[in-house]
Each structure stands twice: as structure tokens, then as C-alpha cells.
Full PDB file with SEQRES, HELIX, SHEET, SSBOND, CRYST1, ORIGX, SCALE, CONECT and MASTER records, all heavy atoms in Angstrom:
SEQRES   1 A   33  GLY MET TYR GLY LEU ALA ILE GLY ARG CYS PHE PHE GLY          
SEQRES   2 A   33  GLU SER MET PHE SER LEU GLU THR ASN ALA SER LYS VAL          
SEQRES   3 A   33  LEU MET VAL HIS LEU ALA ASN                                  
HELIX    1 AA1 ALA A   23  ALA A   32  1                                  10    
SHEET    1 AA1 2 MET A   2  ILE A   7  0                                        
SHEET    2 AA1 2 CYS A  10  MET A  16 -1                                        
CRYST1    1.000    1.000    1.000  90.00  90.00  90.00 P 1           1          
ORIGX1      1.000000  0.000000  0.000000        0.00000                         
ORIGX2      0.000000  1.000000  0.000000        0.00000                         
ORIGX3      0.000000  0.000000  1.000000        0.00000                         
SCALE1      1.000000  0.000000  0.000000        0.00000                         
SCALE2      0.000000  1.000000  0.000000        0.00000                         
SCALE3      0.000000  0.000000  1.000000        0.00000                         
ATOM      1  N   GLY A   1      46.190 -33.239 252.124  1.00  0.00           N  
ATOM      2  CA  GLY A   1      46.767 -34.423 252.640  1.00  0.00           C  
ATOM      3  C   GLY A   1      48.250 -34.277 252.908  1.00  0.00           C  
ATOM      4  O   GLY A   1      48.883 -33.362 252.339  1.00  0.00           O  
ATOM      5  N   MET A   2      48.840 -35.298 253.581  1.00  0.00           N  
ATOM      6  CA  MET A   2      50.267 -35.302 253.848  1.00  0.00           C  
ATOM      7  C   MET A   2      50.609 -36.755 254.104  1.00  0.00           C  
ATOM      8  O   MET A   2      49.794 -37.536 254.548  1.00  0.00           O  
ATOM      9  CB  MET A   2      50.621 -34.449 255.104  1.00  0.00           C  
ATOM     10  CG  MET A   2      51.961 -34.722 255.656  1.00  0.00           C  
ATOM     11  SD  MET A   2      52.178 -34.005 257.374  1.00  0.00           S  
ATOM     12  CE  MET A   2      52.605 -32.339 256.957  1.00  0.00           C  
ATOM     13  N   TYR A   3      51.913 -37.112 253.820  1.00  0.00           N  
ATOM     14  CA  TYR A   3      52.425 -38.415 254.332  1.00  0.00           C  
ATOM     15  C   TYR A   3      53.857 -38.146 255.023  1.00  0.00           C  
ATOM     16  O   TYR A   3      54.474 -37.176 254.706  1.00  0.00           O  
ATOM     17  CB  TYR A   3      52.512 -39.437 253.158  1.00  0.00           C  
ATOM     18  CG  TYR A   3      53.719 -39.228 252.227  1.00  0.00           C  
ATOM     19  CD1 TYR A   3      54.846 -39.985 252.360  1.00  0.00           C  
ATOM     20  CD2 TYR A   3      53.565 -38.335 251.081  1.00  0.00           C  
ATOM     21  CE1 TYR A   3      55.921 -39.747 251.482  1.00  0.00           C  
ATOM     22  CE2 TYR A   3      54.541 -38.146 250.252  1.00  0.00           C  
ATOM     23  CZ  TYR A   3      55.778 -38.903 250.416  1.00  0.00           C  
ATOM     24  OH  TYR A   3      56.717 -38.720 249.516  1.00  0.00           O  
ATOM     25  N   GLY A   4      54.162 -39.029 255.851  1.00  0.00           N  
ATOM     26  CA  GLY A   4      55.455 -38.893 256.586  1.00  0.00           C  
ATOM     27  C   GLY A   4      55.705 -40.190 257.394  1.00  0.00           C  
ATOM     28  O   GLY A   4      54.901 -41.058 257.345  1.00  0.00           O  
ATOM     29  N   LEU A   5      56.876 -40.146 258.044  1.00  0.00           N  
ATOM     30  CA  LEU A   5      57.256 -41.321 258.868  1.00  0.00           C  
ATOM     31  C   LEU A   5      57.165 -40.979 260.288  1.00  0.00           C  
ATOM     32  O   LEU A   5      57.552 -39.942 260.718  1.00  0.00           O  
ATOM     33  CB  LEU A   5      58.669 -41.692 258.408  1.00  0.00           C  
ATOM     34  CG  LEU A   5      58.890 -42.540 257.245  1.00  0.00           C  
ATOM     35  CD1 LEU A   5      58.430 -41.786 255.968  1.00  0.00           C  
ATOM     36  CD2 LEU A   5      60.344 -42.902 257.041  1.00  0.00           C  
ATOM     37  N   ALA A   6      56.791 -42.002 261.112  1.00  0.00           N  
ATOM     38  CA  ALA A   6      56.778 -41.931 262.588  1.00  0.00           C  
ATOM     39  C   ALA A   6      57.829 -42.919 263.132  1.00  0.00           C  
ATOM     40  O   ALA A   6      57.584 -44.088 262.991  1.00  0.00           O  
ATOM     41  CB  ALA A   6      55.465 -42.201 263.112  1.00  0.00           C  
ATOM     42  N   ILE A   7      58.853 -42.453 263.761  1.00  0.00           N  
ATOM     43  CA  ILE A   7      59.924 -43.304 264.235  1.00  0.00           C  
ATOM     44  C   ILE A   7      60.205 -42.773 265.675  1.00  0.00           C  
ATOM     45  O   ILE A   7      60.659 -41.606 265.854  1.00  0.00           O  
ATOM     46  CB  ILE A   7      61.199 -43.316 263.368  1.00  0.00           C  
ATOM     47  CG1 ILE A   7      60.880 -43.607 262.027  1.00  0.00           C  
ATOM     48  CG2 ILE A   7      62.210 -44.318 263.955  1.00  0.00           C  
ATOM     49  CD1 ILE A   7      62.045 -43.535 261.070  1.00  0.00           C  
ATOM     50  N   GLY A   8      59.983 -43.635 266.645  1.00  0.00           N  
ATOM     51  CA  GLY A   8      60.239 -43.190 268.056  1.00  0.00           C  
ATOM     52  C   GLY A   8      59.209 -42.027 268.356  1.00  0.00           C  
ATOM     53  O   GLY A   8      58.015 -42.068 268.044  1.00  0.00           O  
ATOM     54  N   ARG A   9      59.775 -40.968 268.955  1.00  0.00           N  
ATOM     55  CA  ARG A   9      58.950 -39.761 269.158  1.00  0.00           C  
ATOM     56  C   ARG A   9      59.225 -38.702 268.220  1.00  0.00           C  
ATOM     57  O   ARG A   9      59.116 -37.413 268.491  1.00  0.00           O  
ATOM     58  CB  ARG A   9      59.149 -39.316 270.694  1.00  0.00           C  
ATOM     59  CG  ARG A   9      58.601 -40.319 271.683  1.00  0.00           C  
ATOM     60  CD  ARG A   9      58.887 -39.839 273.126  1.00  0.00           C  
ATOM     61  NE  ARG A   9      58.180 -40.802 274.046  1.00  0.00           N  
ATOM     62  CZ  ARG A   9      57.169 -40.512 274.787  1.00  0.00           C  
ATOM     63  NH1 ARG A   9      56.686 -39.311 274.825  1.00  0.00           N  
ATOM     64  NH2 ARG A   9      56.689 -41.406 275.619  1.00  0.00           N  
ATOM     65  N   CYS A  10      59.630 -39.027 267.008  1.00  0.00           N  
ATOM     66  CA  CYS A  10      59.817 -38.009 265.969  1.00  0.00           C  
ATOM     67  C   CYS A  10      58.953 -38.349 264.818  1.00  0.00           C  
ATOM     68  O   CYS A  10      58.835 -39.544 264.333  1.00  0.00           O  
ATOM     69  CB  CYS A  10      61.337 -38.177 265.489  1.00  0.00           C  
ATOM     70  SG  CYS A  10      62.583 -37.981 266.810  1.00  0.00           S  
ATOM     71  N   PHE A  11      58.432 -37.321 264.155  1.00  0.00           N  
ATOM     72  CA  PHE A  11      57.593 -37.372 262.967  1.00  0.00           C  
ATOM     73  C   PHE A  11      58.347 -36.775 261.839  1.00  0.00           C  
ATOM     74  O   PHE A  11      58.710 -35.534 261.984  1.00  0.00           O  
ATOM     75  CB  PHE A  11      56.189 -36.898 263.075  1.00  0.00           C  
ATOM     76  CG  PHE A  11      55.304 -37.018 261.894  1.00  0.00           C  
ATOM     77  CD1 PHE A  11      54.733 -38.241 261.613  1.00  0.00           C  
ATOM     78  CD2 PHE A  11      55.258 -35.987 260.999  1.00  0.00           C  
ATOM     79  CE1 PHE A  11      54.026 -38.400 260.446  1.00  0.00           C  
ATOM     80  CE2 PHE A  11      54.480 -36.203 259.838  1.00  0.00           C  
ATOM     81  CZ  PHE A  11      53.788 -37.377 259.578  1.00  0.00           C  
ATOM     82  N   PHE A  12      58.494 -37.392 260.660  1.00  0.00           N  
ATOM     83  CA  PHE A  12      59.266 -36.812 259.536  1.00  0.00           C  
ATOM     84  C   PHE A  12      58.288 -36.519 258.434  1.00  0.00           C  
ATOM     85  O   PHE A  12      57.796 -37.430 257.754  1.00  0.00           O  
ATOM     86  CB  PHE A  12      60.385 -37.783 259.096  1.00  0.00           C  
ATOM     87  CG  PHE A  12      61.400 -38.197 260.173  1.00  0.00           C  
ATOM     88  CD1 PHE A  12      61.033 -39.275 261.083  1.00  0.00           C  
ATOM     89  CD2 PHE A  12      62.530 -37.541 260.325  1.00  0.00           C  
ATOM     90  CE1 PHE A  12      61.996 -39.591 262.037  1.00  0.00           C  
ATOM     91  CE2 PHE A  12      63.459 -37.840 261.304  1.00  0.00           C  
ATOM     92  CZ  PHE A  12      63.096 -38.846 262.156  1.00  0.00           C  
ATOM     93  N   GLY A  13      57.890 -35.262 258.298  1.00  0.00           N  
ATOM     94  CA  GLY A  13      56.950 -34.960 257.237  1.00  0.00           C  
ATOM     95  C   GLY A  13      57.655 -35.006 255.866  1.00  0.00           C  
ATOM     96  O   GLY A  13      58.725 -34.484 255.691  1.00  0.00           O  
ATOM     97  N   GLU A  14      56.992 -35.597 254.887  1.00  0.00           N  
ATOM     98  CA  GLU A  14      57.600 -35.826 253.572  1.00  0.00           C  
ATOM     99  C   GLU A  14      57.006 -34.881 252.509  1.00  0.00           C  
ATOM    100  O   GLU A  14      57.750 -34.219 251.821  1.00  0.00           O  
ATOM    101  CB  GLU A  14      57.526 -37.192 253.057  1.00  0.00           C  
ATOM    102  CG  GLU A  14      58.611 -38.073 253.528  1.00  0.00           C  
ATOM    103  CD  GLU A  14      59.920 -37.698 252.899  1.00  0.00           C  
ATOM    104  OE1 GLU A  14      59.984 -37.511 251.728  1.00  0.00           O  
ATOM    105  OE2 GLU A  14      60.877 -37.455 253.731  1.00  0.00           O  
ATOM    106  N   SER A  15      55.642 -34.824 252.382  1.00  0.00           N  
ATOM    107  CA  SER A  15      55.172 -33.939 251.423  1.00  0.00           C  
ATOM    108  C   SER A  15      53.647 -33.720 251.756  1.00  0.00           C  
ATOM    109  O   SER A  15      53.051 -34.534 252.439  1.00  0.00           O  
ATOM    110  CB  SER A  15      55.136 -34.657 250.014  1.00  0.00           C  
ATOM    111  OG  SER A  15      54.767 -33.764 249.012  1.00  0.00           O  
ATOM    112  N   MET A  16      53.100 -32.682 251.308  1.00  0.00           N  
ATOM    113  CA  MET A  16      51.751 -32.142 251.640  1.00  0.00           C  
ATOM    114  C   MET A  16      51.110 -31.466 250.447  1.00  0.00           C  
ATOM    115  O   MET A  16      51.871 -30.846 249.660  1.00  0.00           O  
ATOM    116  CB  MET A  16      51.877 -31.164 252.826  1.00  0.00           C  
ATOM    117  CG  MET A  16      50.544 -30.709 253.317  1.00  0.00           C  
ATOM    118  SD  MET A  16      50.782 -29.891 255.001  1.00  0.00           S  
ATOM    119  CE  MET A  16      52.114 -28.682 254.651  1.00  0.00           C  
ATOM    120  N   PHE A  17      49.833 -31.533 250.326  1.00  0.00           N  
ATOM    121  CA  PHE A  17      49.177 -30.851 249.250  1.00  0.00           C  
ATOM    122  C   PHE A  17      47.898 -30.298 249.837  1.00  0.00           C  
ATOM    123  O   PHE A  17      47.364 -30.763 250.806  1.00  0.00           O  
ATOM    124  CB  PHE A  17      48.781 -31.784 248.065  1.00  0.00           C  
ATOM    125  CG  PHE A  17      47.833 -32.833 248.313  1.00  0.00           C  
ATOM    126  CD1 PHE A  17      46.472 -32.622 248.113  1.00  0.00           C  
ATOM    127  CD2 PHE A  17      48.127 -34.049 248.851  1.00  0.00           C  
ATOM    128  CE1 PHE A  17      45.511 -33.463 248.366  1.00  0.00           C  
ATOM    129  CE2 PHE A  17      47.226 -34.991 249.119  1.00  0.00           C  
ATOM    130  CZ  PHE A  17      45.934 -34.735 248.930  1.00  0.00           C  
ATOM    131  N   SER A  18      47.249 -29.323 249.055  1.00  0.00           N  
ATOM    132  CA  SER A  18      45.952 -28.681 249.515  1.00  0.00           C  
ATOM    133  C   SER A  18      45.223 -28.419 248.254  1.00  0.00           C  
ATOM    134  O   SER A  18      45.749 -27.815 247.279  1.00  0.00           O  
ATOM    135  CB  SER A  18      46.266 -27.392 250.308  1.00  0.00           C  
ATOM    136  OG  SER A  18      45.060 -26.901 250.743  1.00  0.00           O  
ATOM    137  N   LEU A  19      43.987 -28.919 248.227  1.00  0.00           N  
ATOM    138  CA  LEU A  19      43.073 -28.707 247.127  1.00  0.00           C  
ATOM    139  C   LEU A  19      42.028 -27.630 247.421  1.00  0.00           C  
ATOM    140  O   LEU A  19      41.449 -27.171 246.495  1.00  0.00           O  
ATOM    141  CB  LEU A  19      42.388 -30.010 246.724  1.00  0.00           C  
ATOM    142  CG  LEU A  19      43.265 -31.237 246.392  1.00  0.00           C  
ATOM    143  CD1 LEU A  19      42.359 -32.457 246.097  1.00  0.00           C  
ATOM    144  CD2 LEU A  19      44.113 -30.880 245.181  1.00  0.00           C  
ATOM    145  N   GLU A  20      41.898 -27.245 248.706  1.00  0.00           N  
ATOM    146  CA  GLU A  20      41.006 -26.208 249.035  1.00  0.00           C  
ATOM    147  C   GLU A  20      41.762 -25.198 250.027  1.00  0.00           C  
ATOM    148  O   GLU A  20      42.689 -25.648 250.864  1.00  0.00           O  
ATOM    149  CB  GLU A  20      39.788 -26.793 249.765  1.00  0.00           C  
ATOM    150  CG  GLU A  20      38.943 -27.646 248.803  1.00  0.00           C  
ATOM    151  CD  GLU A  20      37.633 -28.142 249.521  1.00  0.00           C  
ATOM    152  OE1 GLU A  20      37.190 -27.496 250.462  1.00  0.00           O  
ATOM    153  OE2 GLU A  20      37.061 -29.149 249.011  1.00  0.00           O  
ATOM    154  N   THR A  21      41.315 -23.982 250.097  1.00  0.00           N  
ATOM    155  CA  THR A  21      41.992 -22.956 250.868  1.00  0.00           C  
ATOM    156  C   THR A  21      42.022 -23.402 252.375  1.00  0.00           C  
ATOM    157  O   THR A  21      41.007 -23.821 252.890  1.00  0.00           O  
ATOM    158  CB  THR A  21      41.280 -21.616 250.757  1.00  0.00           C  
ATOM    159  OG1 THR A  21      41.226 -21.311 249.390  1.00  0.00           O  
ATOM    160  CG2 THR A  21      41.958 -20.583 251.577  1.00  0.00           C  
ATOM    161  N   ASN A  22      43.183 -23.374 252.925  1.00  0.00           N  
ATOM    162  CA  ASN A  22      43.405 -23.560 254.349  1.00  0.00           C  
ATOM    163  C   ASN A  22      43.464 -25.041 254.794  1.00  0.00           C  
ATOM    164  O   ASN A  22      43.605 -25.395 255.944  1.00  0.00           O  
ATOM    165  CB  ASN A  22      42.524 -22.724 255.273  1.00  0.00           C  
ATOM    166  CG  ASN A  22      42.849 -21.301 255.236  1.00  0.00           C  
ATOM    167  OD1 ASN A  22      43.977 -20.959 255.061  1.00  0.00           O  
ATOM    168  ND2 ASN A  22      41.786 -20.517 255.519  1.00  0.00           N  
ATOM    169  N   ALA A  23      43.195 -25.902 253.746  1.00  0.00           N  
ATOM    170  CA  ALA A  23      43.103 -27.370 254.255  1.00  0.00           C  
ATOM    171  C   ALA A  23      44.426 -27.875 254.786  1.00  0.00           C  
ATOM    172  O   ALA A  23      44.457 -28.556 255.828  1.00  0.00           O  
ATOM    173  CB  ALA A  23      42.703 -28.230 252.955  1.00  0.00           C  
ATOM    174  N   SER A  24      45.505 -27.511 254.143  1.00  0.00           N  
ATOM    175  CA  SER A  24      46.848 -27.931 254.714  1.00  0.00           C  
ATOM    176  C   SER A  24      47.201 -27.323 256.098  1.00  0.00           C  
ATOM    177  O   SER A  24      47.743 -27.954 256.833  1.00  0.00           O  
ATOM    178  CB  SER A  24      47.889 -27.670 253.670  1.00  0.00           C  
ATOM    179  OG  SER A  24      48.135 -26.323 253.493  1.00  0.00           O  
ATOM    180  N   LYS A  25      46.665 -26.162 256.310  1.00  0.00           N  
ATOM    181  CA  LYS A  25      46.827 -25.443 257.588  1.00  0.00           C  
ATOM    182  C   LYS A  25      46.049 -26.149 258.673  1.00  0.00           C  
ATOM    183  O   LYS A  25      46.527 -26.348 259.736  1.00  0.00           O  
ATOM    184  CB  LYS A  25      46.519 -23.997 257.437  1.00  0.00           C  
ATOM    185  CG  LYS A  25      47.526 -23.215 256.632  1.00  0.00           C  
ATOM    186  CD  LYS A  25      47.196 -21.676 256.648  1.00  0.00           C  
ATOM    187  CE  LYS A  25      48.097 -20.915 255.759  1.00  0.00           C  
ATOM    188  NZ  LYS A  25      47.720 -19.473 255.802  1.00  0.00           N  
ATOM    189  N   VAL A  26      44.844 -26.468 258.313  1.00  0.00           N  
ATOM    190  CA  VAL A  26      44.012 -27.216 259.256  1.00  0.00           C  
ATOM    191  C   VAL A  26      44.681 -28.620 259.645  1.00  0.00           C  
ATOM    192  O   VAL A  26      44.702 -28.982 260.796  1.00  0.00           O  
ATOM    193  CB  VAL A  26      42.618 -27.435 258.697  1.00  0.00           C  
ATOM    194  CG1 VAL A  26      41.833 -28.412 259.593  1.00  0.00           C  
ATOM    195  CG2 VAL A  26      41.849 -26.070 258.613  1.00  0.00           C  
ATOM    196  N   LEU A  27      45.237 -29.186 258.626  1.00  0.00           N  
ATOM    197  CA  LEU A  27      45.874 -30.434 258.801  1.00  0.00           C  
ATOM    198  C   LEU A  27      47.067 -30.261 259.715  1.00  0.00           C  
ATOM    199  O   LEU A  27      47.186 -31.101 260.679  1.00  0.00           O  
ATOM    200  CB  LEU A  27      46.419 -31.000 257.478  1.00  0.00           C  
ATOM    201  CG  LEU A  27      47.212 -32.359 257.463  1.00  0.00           C  
ATOM    202  CD1 LEU A  27      47.028 -32.967 255.992  1.00  0.00           C  
ATOM    203  CD2 LEU A  27      48.652 -32.274 257.852  1.00  0.00           C  
ATOM    204  N   MET A  28      47.846 -29.223 259.537  1.00  0.00           N  
ATOM    205  CA  MET A  28      49.061 -29.081 260.481  1.00  0.00           C  
ATOM    206  C   MET A  28      48.651 -28.735 261.919  1.00  0.00           C  
ATOM    207  O   MET A  28      49.287 -29.362 262.766  1.00  0.00           O  
ATOM    208  CB  MET A  28      49.832 -27.841 259.950  1.00  0.00           C  
ATOM    209  CG  MET A  28      50.534 -28.122 258.604  1.00  0.00           C  
ATOM    210  SD  MET A  28      51.988 -29.174 258.838  1.00  0.00           S  
ATOM    211  CE  MET A  28      53.106 -28.057 259.756  1.00  0.00           C  
ATOM    212  N   VAL A  29      47.545 -28.102 262.089  1.00  0.00           N  
ATOM    213  CA  VAL A  29      47.043 -27.787 263.455  1.00  0.00           C  
ATOM    214  C   VAL A  29      46.671 -29.193 264.087  1.00  0.00           C  
ATOM    215  O   VAL A  29      47.062 -29.410 265.266  1.00  0.00           O  
ATOM    216  CB  VAL A  29      45.856 -26.752 263.455  1.00  0.00           C  
ATOM    217  CG1 VAL A  29      45.315 -26.655 264.871  1.00  0.00           C  
ATOM    218  CG2 VAL A  29      46.425 -25.447 263.017  1.00  0.00           C  
ATOM    219  N   HIS A  30      45.905 -29.909 263.463  1.00  0.00           N  
ATOM    220  CA  HIS A  30      45.429 -31.177 264.084  1.00  0.00           C  
ATOM    221  C   HIS A  30      46.627 -32.168 264.271  1.00  0.00           C  
ATOM    222  O   HIS A  30      46.691 -32.822 265.364  1.00  0.00           O  
ATOM    223  CB  HIS A  30      44.447 -31.815 263.073  1.00  0.00           C  
ATOM    224  CG  HIS A  30      43.042 -31.338 263.196  1.00  0.00           C  
ATOM    225  ND1 HIS A  30      41.923 -31.943 263.857  1.00  0.00           N  
ATOM    226  CD2 HIS A  30      42.487 -30.093 262.789  1.00  0.00           C  
ATOM    227  CE1 HIS A  30      40.889 -31.265 263.824  1.00  0.00           C  
ATOM    228  NE2 HIS A  30      41.165 -30.114 263.206  1.00  0.00           N  
ATOM    229  N   LEU A  31      47.480 -32.195 263.195  1.00  0.00           N  
ATOM    230  CA  LEU A  31      48.611 -33.185 263.348  1.00  0.00           C  
ATOM    231  C   LEU A  31      49.586 -32.760 264.547  1.00  0.00           C  
ATOM    232  O   LEU A  31      49.906 -33.569 265.398  1.00  0.00           O  
ATOM    233  CB  LEU A  31      49.409 -33.252 262.091  1.00  0.00           C  
ATOM    234  CG  LEU A  31      50.632 -34.181 262.144  1.00  0.00           C  
ATOM    235  CD1 LEU A  31      50.344 -35.616 262.541  1.00  0.00           C  
ATOM    236  CD2 LEU A  31      51.331 -34.106 260.759  1.00  0.00           C  
ATOM    237  N   ALA A  32      49.917 -31.509 264.632  1.00  0.00           N  
ATOM    238  CA  ALA A  32      50.729 -31.037 265.654  1.00  0.00           C  
ATOM    239  C   ALA A  32      50.209 -31.293 267.078  1.00  0.00           C  
ATOM    240  O   ALA A  32      50.864 -31.785 267.964  1.00  0.00           O  
ATOM    241  CB  ALA A  32      51.128 -29.525 265.400  1.00  0.00           C  
ATOM    242  N   ASN A  33      48.925 -30.915 267.241  1.00  0.00           N  
ATOM    243  CA  ASN A  33      48.325 -31.142 268.511  1.00  0.00           C  
ATOM    244  C   ASN A  33      48.249 -32.635 268.896  1.00  0.00           C  
ATOM    245  O   ASN A  33      48.376 -33.029 270.048  1.00  0.00           O  
ATOM    246  CB  ASN A  33      47.011 -30.517 268.609  1.00  0.00           C  
ATOM    247  CG  ASN A  33      47.014 -28.986 268.829  1.00  0.00           C  
ATOM    248  OD1 ASN A  33      47.295 -28.459 269.957  1.00  0.00           O  
ATOM    249  ND2 ASN A  33      46.990 -28.232 267.738  1.00  0.00           N  
TER     250      ASN A  33                                                      
MASTER        0    0    0    1    2    0    0    6  249    1    0    3          
END                                                                             
């Protein structure tokens, strides 16, 4: 998981964790797209 702030057309990532291999990377791909 991750949390962050969305203001205007900017997203400010605050912190992220992964409990299973590649989970945070999958998150990043989905979020960025």
C-alpha cells in the first residue's frame, strides 16, 4: 500500500510498504498509468 496527497494535477507520494514480493512495484505501475 501507499498514501499520498492529490492537489491539482500533482500527486505527492508520502510512504509505501510491501508485504509480498513486487506488490509495491505493481502498485506503482497502476498508480502511474
